[in-house]
């Protein structure tokens, strides 16, 4: 919700300034000082930006519905969410992906499945039972007798029930092993992709900020040069559009970074630890 709200606010703010420039261009065009083709070109750029608002409003509506569903209230205006886990902690967790809780649960299920196979296989062997008894005396002169015996039992035929039970136990073990293998491969690939994207964002964001600063400076220079004719309104609009695109990308990148950090923290169990879910004293 913060990402979409911030992008809409930025779009409204910047297009308002661009509309003023278009009005100036229209007046200049009516006096023959600006070519009509240049005016139409500038209008197309601004219309293209304004068309994005319809998509952003649809995203905002969807985000508001999900917010109300999860949190039971109307969100209102949101500030940028704080990072629950820092970058170094997230990268360390991604590196230690083999020790994630859900992989440990899968490994535990394999252990249980192996024990079931062992138990089922034991049904094919003979069973020994130890019997002990005590005979109480009937008269005072009689002695108390104690007897101990060992009984061996073996089932020669059960209609294939033991074979079926063993086959089912082995199938469950194979399924558990296959599931753990698939989960390992999936998590490994997911963590590698997330870390790669995080590293890419870390490298890109300083460059994007530099681009934003340069665009702002270029816009200021272009405005100051309008009176001297060293720049024109179309050039100024192009600079404003580039500046808007850069700042819009910055909002998206900041949201992507937070999302990736939360994804890694959630998949590795660090998020549960940090916010204290399922902890009992």
Protein backbone atom coordinates (compact mmCIF):
# COMPACT_ATOMS: atom_id res chain seq x y z
CA UNK A 1 0.00 0.00 0.00
CA UNK A 2 2.84 2.39 0.80
CA UNK A 3 4.42 1.79 -2.59
CA UNK A 4 1.24 2.48 -4.57
CA UNK A 5 0.22 5.46 -2.42
CA UNK A 6 3.66 7.01 -2.80
CA UNK A 7 3.71 6.50 -6.56
CA UNK A 8 0.27 8.10 -6.94
CA UNK A 9 1.31 11.08 -4.80
CA UNK A 10 4.45 11.54 -6.87
CA UNK A 11 2.51 11.26 -10.12
CA UNK A 12 -0.06 13.85 -9.02
CA UNK A 13 2.60 16.26 -7.81
CA UNK A 14 4.78 16.05 -10.91
CA UNK A 15 1.98 16.06 -13.49
CA UNK A 16 0.52 19.16 -11.87
CA UNK A 17 3.78 20.98 -12.59
CA UNK A 18 3.91 19.53 -16.09
CA UNK A 19 0.37 20.73 -16.80
CA UNK A 20 1.49 24.28 -15.99
CA UNK A 21 4.33 23.92 -18.47
CA UNK A 22 1.90 22.64 -21.11
CA UNK A 23 -0.28 25.70 -20.52
CA UNK A 24 2.75 27.90 -21.11
CA UNK A 25 3.56 25.96 -24.28
CA UNK A 26 -0.03 26.37 -25.52
CA UNK A 27 0.15 30.13 -25.05
CA UNK A 28 3.52 30.21 -26.77
CA UNK A 29 2.15 28.06 -29.62
CA UNK A 30 -0.80 30.39 -30.11
CA UNK A 31 1.69 33.24 -30.55
CA UNK A 32 3.77 31.19 -32.97
CA UNK A 33 6.70 30.94 -30.55
CA UNK A 34 6.45 27.15 -30.18
CA UNK A 35 5.96 24.59 -32.92
CA UNK A 36 2.68 22.69 -32.70
CA UNK A 37 4.47 19.39 -33.25
CA UNK A 38 6.64 20.07 -30.18
CA UNK A 39 3.50 20.84 -28.18
CA UNK A 40 1.81 17.59 -29.27
CA UNK A 41 4.95 15.63 -28.44
CA UNK A 42 5.06 17.07 -24.93
CA UNK A 43 1.36 16.36 -24.47
CA UNK A 44 1.85 12.70 -25.45
CA UNK A 45 4.54 12.26 -22.80
CA UNK A 46 2.33 13.66 -20.06
CA UNK A 47 -0.74 11.71 -21.21
CA UNK A 48 1.36 8.54 -21.07
CA UNK A 49 2.23 9.27 -17.45
CA UNK A 50 -1.37 10.08 -16.54
CA UNK A 51 -2.58 6.80 -18.04
CA UNK A 52 -0.45 4.99 -15.45
CA UNK A 53 -2.65 6.43 -12.70
CA UNK A 54 -5.60 4.22 -13.66
CA UNK A 55 -3.44 1.12 -13.18
CA UNK A 56 -2.05 2.44 -9.91
CA UNK A 57 -5.54 3.17 -8.60
CA UNK A 58 -6.56 -0.41 -9.39
CA UNK A 59 -3.50 -1.67 -7.50
CA UNK A 60 -4.35 0.60 -4.59
CA UNK A 61 -7.92 -0.72 -4.44
CA UNK A 62 -6.63 -4.30 -4.34
CA UNK A 63 -4.09 -3.42 -1.64
CA UNK A 64 -6.77 -1.72 0.47
CA UNK A 65 -8.99 -4.80 0.31
CA UNK A 66 -6.13 -7.08 1.37
CA UNK A 67 -5.16 -4.69 4.16
CA UNK A 68 -8.71 -4.70 5.50
CA UNK A 69 -8.85 -8.48 5.24
CA UNK A 70 -5.61 -9.06 7.16
CA UNK A 71 -5.74 -6.19 9.66
CA UNK A 72 -9.46 -5.61 10.06
CA UNK A 73 -9.50 -1.89 9.34
CA UNK A 74 -8.97 0.87 6.82
CA UNK A 75 -5.31 1.64 6.26
CA UNK A 76 -5.43 5.35 5.52
CA UNK A 77 -2.21 7.11 4.63
CA UNK A 78 0.87 5.00 5.32
CA UNK A 79 4.50 5.92 5.80
CA UNK A 80 7.30 3.74 4.48
CA UNK A 81 7.47 0.51 6.53
CA UNK A 82 10.55 0.02 8.65
CA UNK A 83 12.84 -2.92 7.95
CA UNK A 84 12.14 -5.75 10.41
CA UNK A 85 15.46 -7.42 9.62
CA UNK A 86 18.61 -5.72 8.38
CA UNK A 87 20.50 -6.54 5.20
CA UNK A 88 23.41 -8.37 6.83
CA UNK A 89 21.10 -10.59 8.86
CA UNK A 90 19.06 -11.43 5.78
CA UNK A 91 22.12 -12.35 3.72
CA UNK A 92 23.46 -14.53 6.53
CA UNK A 93 20.11 -16.32 6.80
CA UNK A 94 20.01 -16.92 3.05
CA UNK A 95 23.51 -18.42 3.18
CA UNK A 96 22.41 -20.78 5.98
CA UNK A 97 19.31 -21.96 4.10
CA UNK A 98 19.96 -25.66 4.87
CA UNK A 99 19.04 -25.07 8.53
CA UNK A 100 15.63 -23.58 7.89
CA UNK A 101 12.81 -24.91 10.12
CA UNK A 102 10.67 -26.34 7.34
CA UNK A 103 13.61 -28.35 5.94
CA UNK A 104 14.21 -29.71 9.44
CA UNK A 105 10.56 -30.75 9.59
CA UNK A 106 10.92 -32.57 6.29
CA UNK A 107 14.06 -34.31 7.57
CA UNK A 108 12.14 -35.37 10.69
CA UNK A 109 9.40 -36.86 8.53
CA UNK A 110 12.03 -38.99 6.78
CA UNK A 111 13.26 -40.30 10.13
CA UNK A 112 9.69 -41.22 11.09
CA UNK A 113 9.13 -42.91 7.72
CA UNK A 114 12.33 -44.96 8.15
CA UNK A 115 11.20 -46.11 11.58
CA UNK A 116 7.89 -47.21 10.09
CA UNK A 117 9.76 -49.32 7.52
CA UNK A 118 11.82 -50.94 10.29
CA UNK A 119 8.69 -51.66 12.33
CA UNK A 120 6.90 -53.12 9.31
CA UNK A 121 9.88 -55.30 8.38
CA UNK A 122 10.00 -56.71 11.90
CA UNK A 123 6.59 -58.28 11.31
CA UNK A 124 8.22 -60.79 8.95
CA UNK A 125 10.36 -62.33 11.72
CA UNK A 126 9.37 -64.58 14.60
CA UNK A 127 8.03 -63.00 17.77
CA UNK A 128 9.24 -64.13 21.18
CA UNK A 129 7.16 -63.74 24.31
CA UNK A 130 8.30 -64.34 27.86
CA UNK A 131 5.69 -65.84 30.19
CA UNK A 132 5.92 -65.97 33.98
CA UNK A 133 3.46 -67.42 36.50
CA UNK A 134 3.10 -68.04 40.18
CA UNK A 135 1.05 -70.90 41.70
CA UNK A 136 -0.33 -70.06 45.13
CA UNK A 137 -0.39 -72.86 47.74
CA UNK A 138 -3.76 -74.33 48.62
CA UNK A 139 -2.67 -75.57 52.06
CA UNK A 140 -0.22 -74.28 54.58
CA UNK A 141 2.15 -77.16 53.88
CA UNK A 142 2.17 -76.57 50.07
CA UNK A 143 4.96 -74.53 48.49
CA UNK A 144 4.65 -71.56 46.20
CA UNK A 145 5.65 -72.53 42.63
CA UNK A 146 7.06 -70.08 40.06
CA UNK A 147 7.20 -70.87 36.34
CA UNK A 148 8.94 -69.04 33.50
CA UNK A 149 8.51 -69.87 29.83
CA UNK A 150 9.53 -68.55 26.40
CA UNK A 151 6.99 -68.67 23.56
CA UNK A 152 8.03 -68.28 19.90
CA UNK A 153 5.40 -67.24 17.36
CA UNK A 154 5.73 -67.03 13.58
CA UNK A 155 3.07 -66.17 11.01
CA UNK A 156 3.38 -68.30 7.89
CA UNK A 157 0.61 -66.70 5.90
CA UNK A 158 -1.48 -63.53 6.22
CA UNK A 159 -2.86 -63.07 2.76
CA UNK A 160 -0.14 -60.59 1.73
CA UNK A 161 -0.99 -58.05 4.41
CA UNK A 162 2.59 -57.72 5.63
CA UNK A 163 3.95 -57.31 2.10
CA UNK A 164 1.37 -54.60 1.42
CA UNK A 165 2.17 -52.80 4.68
CA UNK A 166 5.89 -52.89 3.90
CA UNK A 167 5.37 -51.63 0.35
CA UNK A 168 3.24 -48.75 1.66
CA UNK A 169 5.85 -47.86 4.31
CA UNK A 170 8.61 -47.84 1.69
CA UNK A 171 6.49 -45.68 -0.60
CA UNK A 172 5.96 -43.17 2.18
CA UNK A 173 9.70 -43.11 2.82
CA UNK A 174 10.47 -42.55 -0.87
CA UNK A 175 7.88 -39.77 -1.02
CA UNK A 176 9.35 -38.06 2.05
CA UNK A 177 12.88 -38.28 0.62
CA UNK A 178 11.73 -36.92 -2.75
CA UNK A 179 9.87 -34.08 -1.03
CA UNK A 180 12.97 -33.09 0.97
CA UNK A 181 15.11 -33.17 -2.17
CA UNK A 182 12.64 -30.99 -4.07
CA UNK A 183 12.31 -28.55 -1.17
CA UNK A 184 16.10 -28.24 -0.92
CA UNK A 185 16.46 -27.50 -4.62
CA UNK A 186 13.57 -25.05 -4.60
CA UNK A 187 14.78 -23.17 -1.52
CA UNK A 188 18.36 -23.07 -2.78
CA UNK A 189 17.26 -21.55 -6.09
CA UNK A 190 14.84 -19.16 -4.37
CA UNK A 191 17.50 -17.89 -1.95
CA UNK A 192 20.08 -17.50 -4.73
CA UNK A 193 17.63 -15.48 -6.84
CA UNK A 194 16.57 -13.29 -3.91
CA UNK A 195 20.17 -12.58 -2.88
CA UNK A 196 21.08 -11.77 -6.48
CA UNK A 197 18.20 -9.30 -6.70
CA UNK A 198 19.11 -7.72 -3.36
CA UNK A 199 22.72 -7.26 -4.45
CA UNK A 200 21.55 -5.77 -7.72
CA UNK A 201 19.33 -3.30 -5.85
CA UNK A 202 22.19 -2.36 -3.54
CA UNK A 203 24.32 -1.50 -6.57
CA UNK A 204 21.53 0.23 -8.50
CA UNK A 205 20.01 2.46 -5.82
CA UNK A 206 23.05 4.78 -5.36
CA UNK A 207 23.28 5.16 -9.14
CA UNK A 208 19.56 5.90 -9.33
CA UNK A 209 19.88 8.53 -6.61
CA UNK A 210 22.70 10.13 -8.58
CA UNK A 211 20.45 10.16 -11.63
CA UNK A 212 17.68 11.83 -9.59
CA UNK A 213 20.06 14.50 -8.32
CA UNK A 214 21.34 15.19 -11.83
CA UNK A 215 17.78 15.39 -13.18
CA UNK A 216 16.80 17.90 -10.53
CA UNK A 217 19.87 19.98 -11.27
CA UNK A 218 19.20 19.79 -15.00
CA UNK A 219 15.59 20.89 -14.46
CA UNK A 220 16.69 23.89 -12.40
CA UNK A 221 19.19 24.91 -15.08
CA UNK A 222 16.60 24.49 -17.82
CA UNK A 223 14.13 26.69 -15.95
CA UNK A 224 16.75 29.39 -15.41
CA UNK A 225 17.66 29.34 -19.11
CA UNK A 226 14.10 29.74 -20.39
CA UNK A 227 14.31 33.54 -20.26
CA UNK A 228 17.56 33.61 -22.23
CA UNK A 229 16.37 31.14 -24.83
CA UNK A 230 19.11 28.63 -24.05
CA UNK A 231 16.39 26.06 -23.33
CA UNK A 232 12.76 25.68 -24.30
CA UNK A 233 9.59 24.38 -22.67
CA UNK A 234 9.69 21.05 -24.49
CA UNK A 235 13.22 20.39 -23.24
CA UNK A 236 12.10 21.30 -19.74
CA UNK A 237 9.15 18.89 -19.92
CA UNK A 238 11.47 16.10 -21.12
CA UNK A 239 13.74 16.75 -18.16
CA UNK A 240 10.75 16.73 -15.80
CA UNK A 241 9.53 13.43 -17.25
CA UNK A 242 12.98 11.85 -16.82
CA UNK A 243 13.14 13.13 -13.25
CA UNK A 244 9.69 11.70 -12.50
CA UNK A 245 10.65 8.30 -13.94
CA UNK A 246 13.77 8.15 -11.81
CA UNK A 247 11.95 9.05 -8.58
CA UNK A 248 9.17 6.60 -9.39
CA UNK A 249 11.79 3.87 -9.86
CA UNK A 250 13.30 4.74 -6.49
CA UNK A 251 9.98 4.13 -4.72
CA UNK A 252 9.61 0.79 -6.48
CA UNK A 253 13.17 -0.26 -5.66
CA UNK A 254 12.77 0.58 -1.97
CA UNK A 255 9.59 -1.51 -1.84
CA UNK A 256 11.30 -4.37 -3.69
CA UNK A 257 14.17 -4.35 -1.22
CA UNK A 258 11.84 -4.58 1.77
CA UNK A 259 9.83 -7.31 0.09
CA UNK A 260 12.92 -9.39 -0.69
CA UNK A 261 14.23 -9.00 2.85
CA UNK A 262 10.89 -10.16 4.26
CA UNK A 263 10.73 -13.07 1.81
CA UNK A 264 14.15 -14.36 2.82
CA UNK A 265 13.44 -13.79 6.51
CA UNK A 266 10.12 -15.60 6.22
CA UNK A 267 11.47 -18.58 4.29
CA UNK A 268 14.42 -19.07 6.63
CA UNK A 269 12.49 -18.68 9.88
CA UNK A 270 14.16 -15.42 10.91
CA UNK A 271 10.93 -13.45 10.60
CA UNK A 272 9.12 -15.75 13.03
CA UNK A 273 11.98 -15.34 15.51
CA UNK A 274 12.02 -11.57 15.16
CA UNK A 275 8.32 -10.89 15.61
CA UNK A 276 7.88 -13.62 18.24
CA UNK A 277 5.26 -15.83 16.62
CA UNK A 278 4.54 -19.25 18.14
CA UNK A 279 6.82 -18.63 21.12
CA UNK A 280 5.67 -20.05 24.44
CA UNK A 281 7.15 -19.55 27.88
